[in-house]
């Protein structure tokens, strides 16, 4: 395993190469994550849409007021109220339904970015930035396509999961997730585009 010693990288999960029922993140912290279902495939982890999820360690649930999420995903069926990522009763969640992909900054939605959901079976790189009391931005395949106002109060996190709601009891995502990254600062548009360009070959 190659660790990435970047102080702003809170969580690095290249799911396309992490096998087994428990995963160690490839960031400086080496977080231990627990897998329920979500079978390994060469392109990522396959979530069945009924009970699969990955439980993230408590440390990753306490995100700072400023940060960035990047995720490669490919739904195997049209999304219908599914969580790609959820933290602390949906206070920070990447949510997909039949019309769009949304980032909630907290449960009353002061920060909501809508991105068009591609057809199922298509790999997409999502990027979201958030800054407490300021503006956040949404990116699709390296291009900034949306923005929204963030809450003045950063929600405190306790539990976080990939592929379901934070409790692991519903809103299960059906499809592949290739990689998932959390940063503790807002990445620039150029940084997000560079990440997309450097990784897209894997998802063609």
Protein backbone atom coordinates (compact mmCIF):
# COMPACT_ATOMS: atom_id res chain seq x y z
CA UNK A 1 0.00 0.00 0.00
CA UNK A 2 1.31 3.45 -0.95
CA UNK A 3 0.41 6.06 1.64
CA UNK A 4 -0.15 9.64 0.51
CA UNK A 5 1.34 12.01 3.06
CA UNK A 6 -0.68 15.10 2.22
CA UNK A 7 -1.75 16.96 5.38
CA UNK A 8 -4.96 18.24 3.78
CA UNK A 9 -6.07 14.77 2.58
CA UNK A 10 -8.39 13.57 5.36
CA UNK A 11 -9.47 10.36 3.62
CA UNK A 12 -8.16 8.61 0.49
CA UNK A 13 -10.03 5.45 -0.55
CA UNK A 14 -8.98 4.11 -3.98
CA UNK A 15 -11.64 1.39 -3.89
CA UNK A 16 -10.51 0.01 -7.24
CA UNK A 17 -7.48 -1.52 -5.53
CA UNK A 18 -8.53 -2.06 -1.89
CA UNK A 19 -9.79 -5.62 -1.36
CA UNK A 20 -11.10 -7.41 1.74
CA UNK A 21 -13.81 -6.84 4.35
CA UNK A 22 -11.83 -4.09 6.03
CA UNK A 23 -9.91 -1.35 4.27
CA UNK A 24 -7.07 0.89 5.34
CA UNK A 25 -7.21 4.31 3.72
CA UNK A 26 -4.17 5.42 1.72
CA UNK A 27 -3.70 8.76 3.46
CA UNK A 28 -1.32 9.74 6.23
CA UNK A 29 -3.82 8.60 8.90
CA UNK A 30 -4.36 5.07 7.56
CA UNK A 31 -8.01 4.96 8.70
CA UNK A 32 -9.54 1.50 9.11
CA UNK A 33 -12.90 1.23 7.33
CA UNK A 34 -15.41 -1.64 7.61
CA UNK A 35 -17.12 -3.09 4.52
CA UNK A 36 -20.63 -4.60 4.50
CA UNK A 37 -21.16 -6.29 1.13
CA UNK A 38 -19.78 -3.94 -1.56
CA UNK A 39 -17.83 -6.55 -3.52
CA UNK A 40 -14.47 -5.65 -5.00
CA UNK A 41 -14.23 -5.25 -8.77
CA UNK A 42 -11.23 -4.06 -10.84
CA UNK A 43 -12.95 -0.68 -11.34
CA UNK A 44 -14.06 -0.23 -7.72
CA UNK A 45 -16.50 -1.52 -5.11
CA UNK A 46 -19.91 -2.74 -6.32
CA UNK A 47 -22.81 -1.74 -4.03
CA UNK A 48 -25.97 -3.85 -4.46
CA UNK A 49 -28.50 -1.12 -3.56
CA UNK A 50 -30.09 -3.16 -0.76
CA UNK A 51 -27.70 -3.36 2.22
CA UNK A 52 -24.12 -2.63 1.12
CA UNK A 53 -22.09 0.20 2.63
CA UNK A 54 -18.66 1.13 3.98
CA UNK A 55 -18.46 2.44 7.54
CA UNK A 56 -15.86 5.17 7.92
CA UNK A 57 -13.94 5.76 11.16
CA UNK A 58 -15.14 8.41 13.58
CA UNK A 59 -12.21 10.69 12.81
CA UNK A 60 -13.37 11.13 9.21
CA UNK A 61 -16.88 12.13 10.32
CA UNK A 62 -15.57 15.30 11.96
CA UNK A 63 -14.91 17.31 8.83
CA UNK A 64 -13.73 20.90 9.08
CA UNK A 65 -15.87 23.84 8.06
CA UNK A 66 -13.94 24.03 4.80
CA UNK A 67 -13.28 21.10 2.52
CA UNK A 68 -13.60 19.20 -0.76
CA UNK A 69 -15.16 15.87 -1.73
CA UNK A 70 -14.18 14.03 -4.93
CA UNK A 71 -15.81 10.74 -5.96
CA UNK A 72 -15.87 8.58 -9.10
CA UNK A 73 -19.17 6.71 -9.38
CA UNK A 74 -21.17 4.65 -11.88
CA UNK A 75 -24.77 3.78 -10.98
CA UNK A 76 -25.99 0.40 -12.25
CA UNK A 77 -29.63 1.54 -12.19
CA UNK A 78 -31.28 4.98 -12.21
CA UNK A 79 -30.68 6.64 -8.80
CA UNK A 80 -33.74 7.01 -6.61
CA UNK A 81 -32.95 8.80 -3.35
CA UNK A 82 -29.59 7.08 -2.88
CA UNK A 83 -26.66 8.26 -0.77
CA UNK A 84 -23.21 8.01 -2.27
CA UNK A 85 -21.90 9.45 1.01
CA UNK A 86 -23.60 10.50 4.23
CA UNK A 87 -22.36 11.89 7.52
CA UNK A 88 -24.11 12.34 10.86
CA UNK A 89 -27.80 11.95 9.91
CA UNK A 90 -27.33 13.48 6.46
CA UNK A 91 -25.76 16.74 7.63
CA UNK A 92 -23.20 16.42 4.85
CA UNK A 93 -24.33 14.08 2.11
CA UNK A 94 -23.86 13.40 -1.57
CA UNK A 95 -27.35 12.36 -2.62
CA UNK A 96 -28.56 11.08 -6.00
CA UNK A 97 -32.15 10.89 -7.22
CA UNK A 98 -33.80 10.58 -10.63
CA UNK A 99 -33.10 14.20 -11.58
CA UNK A 100 -29.86 15.35 -10.01
CA UNK A 101 -26.96 14.82 -7.65
CA UNK A 102 -27.03 17.07 -4.59
CA UNK A 103 -24.61 18.02 -1.87
CA UNK A 104 -26.37 18.87 1.39
CA UNK A 105 -24.31 20.90 3.82
CA UNK A 106 -26.71 20.18 6.66
CA UNK A 107 -30.19 18.77 7.28
CA UNK A 108 -32.04 22.03 6.50
CA UNK A 109 -30.25 22.41 3.16
CA UNK A 110 -28.75 25.91 3.28
CA UNK A 111 -26.19 24.56 0.82
CA UNK A 112 -27.61 22.60 -2.08
CA UNK A 113 -25.82 22.05 -5.37
CA UNK A 114 -27.68 20.29 -8.16
CA UNK A 115 -25.80 18.41 -10.87
CA UNK A 116 -27.46 16.53 -13.72
CA UNK A 117 -27.31 12.78 -13.18
CA UNK A 118 -25.91 10.90 -16.19
CA UNK A 119 -27.57 7.76 -17.47
CA UNK A 120 -26.85 4.62 -15.48
CA UNK A 121 -23.78 2.76 -16.67
CA UNK A 122 -21.71 5.94 -17.14
CA UNK A 123 -18.66 6.82 -15.03
CA UNK A 124 -18.78 10.35 -13.60
CA UNK A 125 -16.32 12.29 -11.44
CA UNK A 126 -18.08 14.53 -8.92
CA UNK A 127 -16.35 17.29 -7.02
CA UNK A 128 -17.87 19.45 -4.27
CA UNK A 129 -16.26 22.23 -2.27
CA UNK A 130 -17.72 23.80 0.85
CA UNK A 131 -16.76 26.80 2.99
CA UNK A 132 -18.61 27.73 6.18
CA UNK A 133 -20.53 30.97 5.70
CA UNK A 134 -19.45 31.36 2.09
CA UNK A 135 -19.96 29.82 -1.36
CA UNK A 136 -19.43 26.21 -2.38
CA UNK A 137 -19.04 24.82 -5.89
CA UNK A 138 -19.98 21.64 -7.74
CA UNK A 139 -17.86 20.03 -10.45
CA UNK A 140 -18.71 17.38 -13.01
CA UNK A 141 -15.84 15.66 -14.81
CA UNK A 142 -13.44 18.42 -13.85
CA UNK A 143 -15.67 21.32 -14.91
CA UNK A 144 -17.37 23.72 -12.48
CA UNK A 145 -21.10 23.58 -13.19
CA UNK A 146 -22.92 24.81 -10.07
CA UNK A 147 -22.62 26.83 -6.87
CA UNK A 148 -24.50 27.40 -3.62
CA UNK A 149 -24.33 29.26 -0.31
CA UNK A 150 -23.01 27.33 2.69
CA UNK A 151 -24.46 27.50 6.17
CA UNK A 152 -22.79 29.77 8.71
CA UNK A 153 -22.56 26.82 11.09
CA UNK A 154 -20.57 23.69 10.35
CA UNK A 155 -22.40 20.56 11.54
CA UNK A 156 -20.56 18.27 13.94
CA UNK A 157 -20.06 14.74 12.61
CA UNK A 158 -20.14 11.44 14.47
CA UNK A 159 -20.84 8.67 11.94
CA UNK A 160 -20.14 8.54 8.20
CA UNK A 161 -20.70 5.92 5.51
CA UNK A 162 -20.26 5.43 1.81
CA UNK A 163 -23.16 3.80 -0.05
CA UNK A 164 -26.01 4.40 2.41
CA UNK A 165 -27.36 6.79 5.02
CA UNK A 166 -25.08 7.33 8.01
CA UNK A 167 -27.00 4.76 10.09
CA UNK A 168 -26.51 2.05 7.46
CA UNK A 169 -30.26 1.35 7.40
CA UNK A 170 -31.46 2.81 4.10
CA UNK A 171 -30.96 5.01 1.03
CA UNK A 172 -28.62 2.34 -0.37
CA UNK A 173 -26.70 3.22 -3.51
CA UNK A 174 -26.73 0.77 -6.46
CA UNK A 175 -23.54 0.77 -8.48
CA UNK A 176 -19.79 1.16 -8.51
CA UNK A 177 -17.66 3.65 -6.61
CA UNK A 178 -14.10 3.78 -7.88
CA UNK A 179 -12.53 6.19 -5.41
CA UNK A 180 -13.52 8.60 -2.67
CA UNK A 181 -11.47 11.52 -1.37
CA UNK A 182 -12.01 14.06 1.42
CA UNK A 183 -9.82 17.15 1.76
CA UNK A 184 -9.68 19.65 4.63
CA UNK A 185 -9.48 22.67 2.33
CA UNK A 186 -11.18 23.93 -0.81
CA UNK A 187 -9.30 22.70 -3.87
CA UNK A 188 -8.96 25.16 -6.71
CA UNK A 189 -10.72 24.54 -10.03
CA UNK A 190 -7.32 23.72 -11.52
CA UNK A 191 -6.59 21.12 -8.83
CA UNK A 192 -9.96 19.44 -9.32
CA UNK A 193 -9.49 19.39 -13.08
CA UNK A 194 -5.99 17.93 -12.70
CA UNK A 195 -7.37 15.14 -10.52
CA UNK A 196 -10.03 14.35 -13.12
CA UNK A 197 -7.54 14.32 -15.99
CA UNK A 198 -5.07 12.17 -14.04
CA UNK A 199 -7.63 9.50 -13.15
CA UNK A 200 -10.15 9.36 -16.00
CA UNK A 201 -8.17 6.74 -17.94
CA UNK A 202 -9.16 4.19 -15.30
CA UNK A 203 -12.88 4.69 -15.93
CA UNK A 204 -13.10 4.69 -19.74
